Amino acid sequence: MLRPLVAAMVTSDGSSFACGGIAYDLPLGRHFILTPSFAPGLYARGGGPDLGHVVEFRSQIAVDFRLPRGARIGLSFSHMSNAHLGATNPGVEALVLNYSKSLH
């Protein structure tokens, strides 16, 4: 199922990233879901790394376990880069433990 995606991240050194995009849920049996996603967004450096541009693109793959009442817990791996919009494009990767809850 294709669905909208909105996300925000803040690091301990004051960097932040907010994005919106799309995700696609692929059921893997009864309890697991594989979800690739793509979301462009805005990056504020704070005390973190210089990613080369304020506009960044996040590609992510997640594996979640379904919990009762529309909740999920899982792991995701993401890559963020500016797609060469800036003079430099170092990119950054993240491995994240996720918890999500459906709003409907």
C-alpha atoms as a PDB file:
ATOM      1  CA  MET A   1       0.000   0.000   0.000  1.00  0.00           C
ATOM      2  CA  LEU A   2       1.400   3.396  -1.032  1.00  0.00           C
ATOM      3  CA  ARG A   3       1.043   5.987   1.725  1.00  0.00           C
ATOM      4  CA  PRO A   4       2.190   9.511   2.585  1.00  0.00           C
ATOM      5  CA  LEU A   5       5.138   9.961   4.914  1.00  0.00           C
ATOM      6  CA  VAL A   6       6.006  12.855   7.236  1.00  0.00           C
ATOM      7  CA  ALA A   7       9.078  12.679   9.460  1.00  0.00           C
ATOM      8  CA  ALA A   8      11.226  14.880  11.686  1.00  0.00           C
ATOM      9  CA  MET A   9      14.569  14.105  13.288  1.00  0.00           C
ATOM     10  CA  VAL A  10      16.678  15.993  15.824  1.00  0.00           C
ATOM     11  CA  THR A  11      20.185  15.024  16.935  1.00  0.00           C
ATOM     12  CA  SER A  12      21.915  15.571  20.261  1.00  0.00           C
ATOM     13  CA  ASP A  13      24.179  18.194  18.642  1.00  0.00           C
ATOM     14  CA  GLY A  14      21.261  20.321  17.445  1.00  0.00           C
ATOM     15  CA  SER A  15      20.970  19.233  13.807  1.00  0.00           C
ATOM     16  CA  SER A  16      17.456  18.712  12.470  1.00  0.00           C
ATOM     17  CA  PHE A  17      15.746  17.357   9.372  1.00  0.00           C
ATOM     18  CA  ALA A  18      12.065  17.533   8.432  1.00  0.00           C
ATOM     19  CA  CYS A  19      10.699  15.818   5.339  1.00  0.00           C
ATOM     20  CA  GLY A  20       7.627  14.627   3.501  1.00  0.00           C
ATOM     21  CA  GLY A  21       7.359  11.938   0.867  1.00  0.00           C
ATOM     22  CA  ILE A  22       5.998   8.489   0.089  1.00  0.00           C
ATOM     23  CA  ALA A  23       6.352   4.998   1.539  1.00  0.00           C
ATOM     24  CA  TYR A  24       5.227   1.615   0.251  1.00  0.00           C
ATOM     25  CA  ASP A  25       4.273  -1.195   2.635  1.00  0.00           C
ATOM     26  CA  LEU A  26       5.075  -4.725   1.478  1.00  0.00           C
ATOM     27  CA  PRO A  27       3.660  -7.372   3.858  1.00  0.00           C
ATOM     28  CA  LEU A  28       6.047 -10.236   4.684  1.00  0.00           C
ATOM     29  CA  GLY A  29       3.751 -12.796   6.207  1.00  0.00           C
ATOM     30  CA  ARG A  30       1.286 -11.956   8.954  1.00  0.00           C
ATOM     31  CA  HIS A  31       3.383  -9.770  11.273  1.00  0.00           C
ATOM     32  CA  PHE A  32       6.288  -8.245   9.318  1.00  0.00           C
ATOM     33  CA  ILE A  33       6.289  -5.340   6.866  1.00  0.00           C
ATOM     34  CA  LEU A  34       9.085  -4.191   4.539  1.00  0.00           C
ATOM     35  CA  THR A  35       8.805  -0.475   3.753  1.00  0.00           C
ATOM     36  CA  PRO A  36      10.979   1.389   1.258  1.00  0.00           C
ATOM     37  CA  SER A  37      10.474   5.158   1.269  1.00  0.00           C
ATOM     38  CA  PHE A  38      11.704   8.389  -0.288  1.00  0.00           C
ATOM     39  CA  ALA A  39      11.321  11.893   1.128  1.00  0.00           C
ATOM     40  CA  PRO A  40      12.843  15.272   0.233  1.00  0.00           C
ATOM     41  CA  GLY A  41      13.254  17.666   3.135  1.00  0.00           C
ATOM     42  CA  LEU A  42      15.067  20.532   4.803  1.00  0.00           C
ATOM     43  CA  TYR A  43      18.235  20.154   6.903  1.00  0.00           C
ATOM     44  CA  ALA A  44      19.464  22.553   9.597  1.00  0.00           C
ATOM     45  CA  ARG A  45      23.105  21.894  10.485  1.00  0.00           C
ATOM     46  CA  GLY A  46      23.165  22.988  14.125  1.00  0.00           C
ATOM     47  CA  GLY A  47      26.391  21.517  15.539  1.00  0.00           C
ATOM     48  CA  GLY A  48      26.316  18.537  13.170  1.00  0.00           C
ATOM     49  CA  PRO A  49      28.029  17.760   9.881  1.00  0.00           C
ATOM     50  CA  ASP A  50      27.901  20.044   6.847  1.00  0.00           C
ATOM     51  CA  LEU A  51      25.826  18.055   4.355  1.00  0.00           C
ATOM     52  CA  GLY A  52      26.419  20.603   1.599  1.00  0.00           C
ATOM     53  CA  HIS A  53      22.903  22.025   1.155  1.00  0.00           C
ATOM     54  CA  VAL A  54      19.720  22.842   3.052  1.00  0.00           C
ATOM     55  CA  VAL A  55      17.718  20.535   0.733  1.00  0.00           C
ATOM     56  CA  GLU A  56      18.418  16.852   1.400  1.00  0.00           C
ATOM     57  CA  PHE A  57      16.813  13.647   0.151  1.00  0.00           C
ATOM     58  CA  ARG A  58      16.249  10.639   2.417  1.00  0.00           C
ATOM     59  CA  SER A  59      15.982   7.107   1.020  1.00  0.00           C
ATOM     60  CA  GLN A  60      15.081   4.484   3.594  1.00  0.00           C
ATOM     61  CA  ILE A  61      14.292   0.797   4.010  1.00  0.00           C
ATOM     62  CA  ALA A  62      12.515  -0.405   7.146  1.00  0.00           C
ATOM     63  CA  VAL A  63      11.453  -3.769   8.548  1.00  0.00           C
ATOM     64  CA  ASP A  64       8.662  -3.521  11.113  1.00  0.00           C
ATOM     65  CA  PHE A  65       6.758  -5.909  13.358  1.00  0.00           C
ATOM     66  CA  ARG A  66       3.025  -5.217  13.663  1.00  0.00           C
ATOM     67  CA  LEU A  67       1.728  -4.590  17.171  1.00  0.00           C
ATOM     68  CA  PRO A  68      -1.918  -4.353  18.287  1.00  0.00           C
ATOM     69  CA  ARG A  69      -4.031  -1.285  17.451  1.00  0.00           C
ATOM     70  CA  GLY A  70      -2.055  -0.101  14.409  1.00  0.00           C
ATOM     71  CA  ALA A  71       1.325   0.274  16.132  1.00  0.00           C
ATOM     72  CA  ARG A  72       4.662  -0.964  14.760  1.00  0.00           C
ATOM     73  CA  ILE A  73       8.197  -1.446  16.026  1.00  0.00           C
ATOM     74  CA  GLY A  74      11.196  -2.059  13.790  1.00  0.00           C
ATOM     75  CA  LEU A  75      14.561  -1.095  12.370  1.00  0.00           C
ATOM     76  CA  SER A  76      15.314   1.229   9.490  1.00  0.00           C
ATOM     77  CA  PHE A  77      18.419   2.111   7.506  1.00  0.00           C
ATOM     78  CA  SER A  78      18.473   5.441   5.702  1.00  0.00           C
ATOM     79  CA  HIS A  79      20.775   7.490   3.500  1.00  0.00           C
ATOM     80  CA  MET A  80      20.522  11.270   3.192  1.00  0.00           C
ATOM     81  CA  SER A  81      22.272  13.321   0.539  1.00  0.00           C
ATOM     82  CA  ASN A  82      21.709  16.501  -1.444  1.00  0.00           C
ATOM     83  CA  ALA A  83      21.873  14.821  -4.890  1.00  0.00           C
ATOM     84  CA  HIS A  84      24.741  17.174  -5.846  1.00  0.00           C
ATOM     85  CA  LEU A  85      22.698  20.351  -5.323  1.00  0.00           C
ATOM     86  CA  GLY A  86      25.595  21.720  -3.263  1.00  0.00           C
ATOM     87  CA  ALA A  87      29.336  22.043  -3.908  1.00  0.00           C
ATOM     88  CA  THR A  88      29.860  19.004  -1.647  1.00  0.00           C
ATOM     89  CA  ASN A  89      27.662  15.950  -1.143  1.00  0.00           C
ATOM     90  CA  PRO A  90      29.032  13.884   1.754  1.00  0.00           C
ATOM     91  CA  GLY A  91      25.765  12.160   2.672  1.00  0.00           C
ATOM     92  CA  VAL A  92      25.003  10.491   5.972  1.00  0.00           C
ATOM     93  CA  GLU A  93      23.639   7.077   6.960  1.00  0.00           C
ATOM     94  CA  ALA A  94      21.519   6.170   9.979  1.00  0.00           C
ATOM     95  CA  LEU A  95      20.364   2.954  11.607  1.00  0.00           C
ATOM     96  CA  VAL A  96      17.288   3.700  13.718  1.00  0.00           C
ATOM     97  CA  LEU A  97      14.952   1.838  16.073  1.00  0.00           C
ATOM     98  CA  ASN A  98      11.419   2.959  15.120  1.00  0.00           C
ATOM     99  CA  TYR A  99       8.062   3.001  16.852  1.00  0.00           C
ATOM    100  CA  SER A 100       5.039   4.253  14.941  1.00  0.00           C
ATOM    101  CA  LYS A 101       1.302   4.494  15.581  1.00  0.00           C
ATOM    102  CA  SER A 102      -1.397   4.988  12.968  1.00  0.00           C
ATOM    103  CA  LEU A 103      -3.463   8.166  13.364  1.00  0.00           C
ATOM    104  CA  HIS A 104      -6.653   6.577  12.043  1.00  0.00           C
END
